[in-house]
Amino acid sequence: MAIIENGYLKGQLGNLVNRKVGDKNVVQTKPSDKMRQTIWTEAAASDFGTASTAGAIIRRAFNAVHQKLHDSGMHNRLVKRMQRVLLGNGKHNPGYQRISEGNIQRLVDFQFNKNCHIYDYLYFDTTVNFATTGAISIHIPELKGDENFYWPKSCSHIVLKIEIVSLSFDKRQAQTIVSHEIELTRYSSERHEAKTLTFGLTDKDYDTILVSLSTLYLDKRNSYAFLLNSIDLNPAGIIAAHNLRNS
């Protein structure tokens, strides 16, 4: 409230502050942080939008990998991971965070289906290297169907799938540049020799490269093949990531 003292108005009346300065009665508007809160709130919403848009781009780019057989919270988990990516190389001014300036390595080991981690079903590791020339090399160790894979009931064949996608988050574009498959047969004693797959990338109209690994479970009968993957069994994850601007 405000009071009159010796002819001067003192105190607060609504959003007005009254005070005596010399022999004058000064009335000021009370300082408010509403505008500052609005600016910071809008900036935070913008950064969340950046992460959400990036998550949607990745989700669509890997449709052939997760086949929409993922848990219901996959997109939210992906957005949360992209928020961490944004903060990977320091906290930029709110509202100005960019995926291309973050740390895309924080996306490695993201599982499209939280119910089945890819390495709970593949009993080996791959190594991915990104060369300064733009080439990508993926080393796959020696494989044997009955030793290096989980086989669900009725499954006769497994297809190990490697997918390489280039992305430009600023342009909201993604393109599959490599899709490589290795097929294995159940109960076969055949060994697939260790190999290093090398892929040369000539298109530079992107800022990020992501590599995924997944498995397709098939029940082959004569000329037919039935896909056994389901929302409870669809191991697929991102195994490598590279950001060209931070390399």
Protein backbone atom coordinates (compact mmCIF):
# COMPACT_ATOMS: atom_id res chain seq x y z
CA MET A 1 0.00 0.00 0.00
CA ALA A 2 1.01 3.65 -0.13
CA ILE A 3 0.72 6.39 2.52
CA ILE A 4 0.94 10.16 2.47
CA GLU A 5 3.64 11.44 4.79
CA ASN A 6 4.43 15.15 5.06
CA GLY A 7 2.69 15.72 1.76
CA TYR A 8 4.56 12.97 -0.08
CA LEU A 9 3.19 9.68 -1.30
CA LYS A 10 5.30 6.73 -0.13
CA GLY A 11 5.10 3.00 -0.79
CA GLN A 12 3.46 0.86 -3.49
CA LEU A 13 0.10 1.28 -5.08
CA GLY A 14 -0.75 -1.50 -7.54
CA ASN A 15 2.24 -1.79 -9.87
CA LEU A 16 3.35 1.77 -9.05
CA VAL A 17 6.14 2.53 -6.59
CA ASN A 18 6.21 5.95 -4.98
CA ARG A 19 9.26 7.50 -3.39
CA LYS A 20 10.65 10.86 -2.39
CA VAL A 21 13.64 12.20 -4.32
CA GLY A 22 14.74 15.54 -2.89
CA ASP A 23 11.63 17.67 -2.76
CA LYS A 24 9.86 15.71 -5.48
CA ASN A 25 7.39 12.86 -5.38
CA VAL A 26 8.53 10.21 -7.95
CA VAL A 27 6.15 7.53 -9.23
CA GLN A 28 7.67 4.54 -11.07
CA THR A 29 6.34 1.33 -12.53
CA LYS A 30 7.46 -1.67 -10.50
CA PRO A 31 10.18 -3.65 -12.30
CA SER A 32 8.86 -6.92 -13.68
CA ASP A 33 10.67 -10.03 -14.84
CA LYS A 34 7.66 -11.11 -16.89
CA MET A 35 9.26 -10.04 -20.15
CA ARG A 36 12.54 -11.78 -19.24
CA GLN A 37 10.66 -14.95 -18.31
CA THR A 38 8.79 -14.81 -21.60
CA ILE A 39 12.01 -14.49 -23.59
CA TRP A 40 13.69 -17.38 -21.77
CA THR A 41 10.56 -19.52 -21.96
CA GLU A 42 10.30 -18.98 -25.69
CA ALA A 43 14.02 -19.76 -26.11
CA ALA A 44 13.68 -23.00 -24.14
CA ALA A 45 10.67 -23.94 -26.25
CA SER A 46 12.69 -23.24 -29.39
CA ASP A 47 15.50 -25.55 -28.25
CA PHE A 48 13.01 -28.27 -27.35
CA GLY A 49 11.50 -27.85 -30.80
CA THR A 50 14.96 -28.30 -32.34
CA ALA A 51 15.44 -31.57 -30.43
CA SER A 52 11.92 -32.76 -31.24
CA THR A 53 12.29 -32.00 -34.95
CA ALA A 54 15.66 -33.78 -35.06
CA GLY A 55 14.12 -36.80 -33.34
CA ALA A 56 11.34 -36.92 -35.92
CA ILE A 57 13.86 -36.73 -38.78
CA ILE A 58 15.84 -39.66 -37.33
CA ARG A 59 12.71 -41.70 -36.64
CA ARG A 60 11.53 -41.34 -40.23
CA ALA A 61 15.00 -41.88 -41.69
CA PHE A 62 15.25 -45.28 -39.97
CA ASN A 63 11.72 -46.49 -40.71
CA ALA A 64 13.13 -49.47 -42.61
CA VAL A 65 15.23 -50.34 -39.55
CA HIS A 66 12.73 -50.14 -36.68
CA GLN A 67 9.78 -50.99 -38.99
CA LYS A 68 7.55 -49.11 -36.53
CA LEU A 69 7.95 -52.09 -34.19
CA HIS A 70 9.10 -50.01 -31.25
CA ASP A 71 7.91 -49.16 -27.75
CA SER A 72 5.31 -46.42 -27.38
CA GLY A 73 7.79 -44.04 -25.76
CA MET A 74 10.45 -44.29 -28.45
CA HIS A 75 9.99 -40.77 -29.82
CA ASN A 76 10.11 -39.19 -26.36
CA ARG A 77 13.27 -41.14 -25.54
CA LEU A 78 14.81 -40.00 -28.82
CA VAL A 79 13.93 -36.34 -28.16
CA LYS A 80 15.47 -36.58 -24.68
CA ARG A 81 18.64 -38.01 -26.19
CA MET A 82 18.75 -35.20 -28.77
CA GLN A 83 18.45 -32.64 -25.98
CA ARG A 84 21.61 -34.17 -24.51
CA VAL A 85 23.26 -33.98 -27.93
CA LEU A 86 22.52 -30.24 -28.04
CA LEU A 87 24.39 -29.72 -24.77
CA GLY A 88 27.31 -31.96 -25.71
CA ASN A 89 29.76 -29.17 -26.58
CA GLY A 90 28.81 -26.52 -24.06
CA LYS A 91 25.62 -24.65 -23.38
CA HIS A 92 24.93 -22.15 -26.14
CA ASN A 93 22.58 -19.21 -25.77
CA PRO A 94 19.04 -20.48 -25.25
CA GLY A 95 17.14 -20.55 -28.51
CA TYR A 96 20.28 -20.91 -30.61
CA GLN A 97 21.28 -24.51 -29.98
CA ARG A 98 21.97 -26.61 -33.09
CA ILE A 99 22.41 -30.34 -33.51
CA SER A 100 25.36 -29.79 -35.84
CA GLU A 101 27.17 -27.93 -33.03
CA GLY A 102 26.41 -30.49 -30.35
CA ASN A 103 27.93 -33.89 -29.62
CA ILE A 104 26.22 -36.47 -31.82
CA GLN A 105 28.20 -39.22 -30.07
CA ARG A 106 25.62 -39.02 -27.30
CA LEU A 107 23.21 -40.72 -29.68
CA VAL A 108 25.33 -43.88 -29.93
CA ASP A 109 23.70 -46.96 -28.35
CA PHE A 110 20.20 -45.53 -28.72
CA GLN A 111 17.77 -48.44 -29.00
CA PHE A 112 14.71 -48.03 -31.18
CA ASN A 113 12.96 -50.64 -29.05
CA LYS A 114 13.78 -50.45 -25.35
CA ASN A 115 12.38 -53.97 -24.88
CA CYS A 116 15.22 -55.60 -26.84
CA HIS A 117 18.71 -54.13 -26.81
CA ILE A 118 20.57 -55.07 -29.99
CA TYR A 119 23.53 -56.53 -28.07
CA ASP A 120 21.31 -58.85 -26.06
CA TYR A 121 20.64 -60.66 -29.35
CA LEU A 122 23.97 -60.30 -31.17
CA TYR A 123 26.92 -61.98 -29.49
CA PHE A 124 29.72 -60.00 -31.15
CA ASP A 125 30.87 -56.41 -31.62
CA THR A 126 31.43 -54.30 -34.69
CA THR A 127 33.92 -51.45 -35.14
CA VAL A 128 33.07 -48.35 -37.16
CA ASN A 129 35.65 -45.82 -38.33
CA PHE A 130 35.12 -42.51 -40.11
CA ALA A 131 38.00 -41.38 -42.32
CA THR A 132 38.86 -37.74 -42.97
CA THR A 133 38.27 -38.46 -46.66
CA GLY A 134 34.62 -39.17 -45.91
CA ALA A 135 34.87 -42.96 -46.21
CA ILE A 136 33.28 -45.24 -43.62
CA SER A 137 34.72 -48.61 -42.69
CA ILE A 138 32.81 -51.21 -40.66
CA HIS A 139 34.66 -54.24 -39.34
CA ILE A 140 32.61 -57.38 -38.75
CA PRO A 141 34.33 -60.27 -36.97
CA GLU A 142 34.08 -63.91 -38.01
CA LEU A 143 30.49 -65.03 -37.61
CA LYS A 144 28.84 -68.38 -37.08
CA GLY A 145 25.07 -68.59 -37.04
CA ASP A 146 24.69 -70.94 -34.11
CA GLU A 147 27.24 -69.12 -31.93
CA ASN A 148 26.83 -65.39 -32.52
CA PHE A 149 23.06 -64.94 -32.70
CA TYR A 150 19.92 -65.43 -30.69
CA TRP A 151 17.45 -67.60 -32.60
CA PRO A 152 13.74 -67.32 -31.77
CA LYS A 153 11.46 -70.28 -32.19
CA SER A 154 10.53 -71.10 -35.81
CA CYS A 155 13.30 -68.87 -37.14
CA SER A 156 15.28 -70.47 -39.97
CA HIS A 157 17.21 -67.46 -41.26
CA ILE A 158 18.59 -64.24 -39.82
CA VAL A 159 19.40 -61.14 -41.83
CA LEU A 160 21.94 -58.84 -40.22
CA LYS A 161 21.25 -55.36 -41.55
CA ILE A 162 23.60 -52.36 -41.59
CA GLU A 163 22.10 -49.01 -42.50
CA ILE A 164 24.08 -45.78 -43.02
CA VAL A 165 22.12 -42.53 -43.18
CA SER A 166 23.35 -39.00 -43.90
CA LEU A 167 21.43 -36.12 -42.36
CA SER A 168 21.24 -32.35 -42.53
CA PHE A 169 19.26 -31.22 -39.52
CA ASP A 170 19.24 -27.56 -40.55
CA LYS A 171 17.71 -28.51 -43.92
CA ARG A 172 15.55 -31.21 -42.30
CA GLN A 173 16.79 -33.80 -44.78
CA ALA A 174 17.92 -37.41 -44.46
CA GLN A 175 19.03 -39.98 -46.99
CA THR A 176 19.91 -43.66 -46.76
CA ILE A 177 23.28 -44.01 -48.48
CA VAL A 178 24.11 -47.63 -47.63
CA SER A 179 21.92 -50.63 -46.84
CA HIS A 180 23.98 -53.80 -46.48
CA GLU A 181 22.65 -57.23 -45.48
CA ILE A 182 24.27 -60.49 -44.38
CA GLU A 183 22.09 -63.61 -44.29
CA LEU A 184 22.76 -66.57 -42.02
CA THR A 185 21.11 -69.98 -41.84
CA ARG A 186 20.22 -71.81 -38.66
CA TYR A 187 22.11 -75.01 -37.82
CA SER A 188 24.62 -74.28 -40.54
CA SER A 189 28.27 -74.88 -39.66
CA GLU A 190 29.31 -72.32 -42.26
CA ARG A 191 31.43 -69.50 -40.95
CA HIS A 192 31.37 -66.03 -42.39
CA GLU A 193 34.94 -64.79 -42.47
CA ALA A 194 35.84 -61.54 -40.77
CA LYS A 195 35.58 -58.64 -43.16
CA THR A 196 35.88 -54.90 -43.29
CA LEU A 197 33.25 -53.14 -45.35
CA THR A 198 34.33 -49.79 -46.78
CA PHE A 199 31.94 -47.25 -48.22
CA GLY A 200 33.03 -44.06 -49.95
CA LEU A 201 30.76 -41.05 -49.50
CA THR A 202 30.88 -38.39 -52.19
CA ASP A 203 27.83 -36.32 -51.31
CA LYS A 204 28.80 -33.60 -48.83
CA ASP A 205 25.38 -31.98 -48.49
CA TYR A 206 24.96 -33.17 -44.91
CA ASP A 207 26.45 -32.58 -41.47
CA THR A 208 25.82 -35.90 -39.69
CA ILE A 209 26.22 -39.60 -40.39
CA LEU A 210 24.45 -42.31 -38.37
CA VAL A 211 25.02 -46.06 -38.57
CA SER A 212 22.46 -48.57 -37.36
CA LEU A 213 22.53 -52.31 -36.82
CA SER A 214 19.43 -54.51 -36.73
CA THR A 215 18.25 -58.08 -37.26
CA LEU A 216 15.43 -59.57 -39.29
CA TYR A 217 14.13 -62.96 -38.17
CA LEU A 218 12.68 -65.06 -40.99
CA ASP A 219 10.81 -68.32 -41.25
CA LYS A 220 11.51 -69.49 -44.79
CA ARG A 221 9.27 -72.16 -46.24
CA ASN A 222 9.79 -73.13 -49.85
CA SER A 223 9.32 -69.89 -51.82
CA TYR A 224 7.79 -67.97 -48.90
CA ALA A 225 9.45 -66.08 -46.07
CA PHE A 226 7.57 -64.94 -42.97
CA LEU A 227 8.92 -62.05 -40.91
CA LEU A 228 8.92 -62.96 -37.21
CA ASN A 229 9.90 -59.54 -35.84
CA SER A 230 7.34 -58.01 -33.51
CA ILE A 231 6.99 -55.14 -31.07
CA ASP A 232 8.46 -57.47 -28.43
CA LEU A 233 11.32 -58.71 -30.61
CA ASN A 234 12.87 -56.15 -32.92
CA PRO A 235 16.49 -55.47 -31.95
CA ALA A 236 17.66 -52.29 -33.67
CA GLY A 237 20.03 -49.61 -32.49
CA ILE A 238 22.42 -46.85 -33.52
CA ILE A 239 25.98 -48.13 -33.25
CA ALA A 240 27.97 -45.16 -34.57
CA ALA A 241 27.57 -41.44 -35.20
CA HIS A 242 29.73 -38.78 -36.78
CA ASN A 243 29.38 -35.01 -36.91
CA LEU A 244 31.36 -33.45 -39.75
CA ARG A 245 31.50 -29.97 -38.24
CA ASN A 246 33.11 -31.23 -35.04
CA SER A 247 35.50 -33.72 -36.63
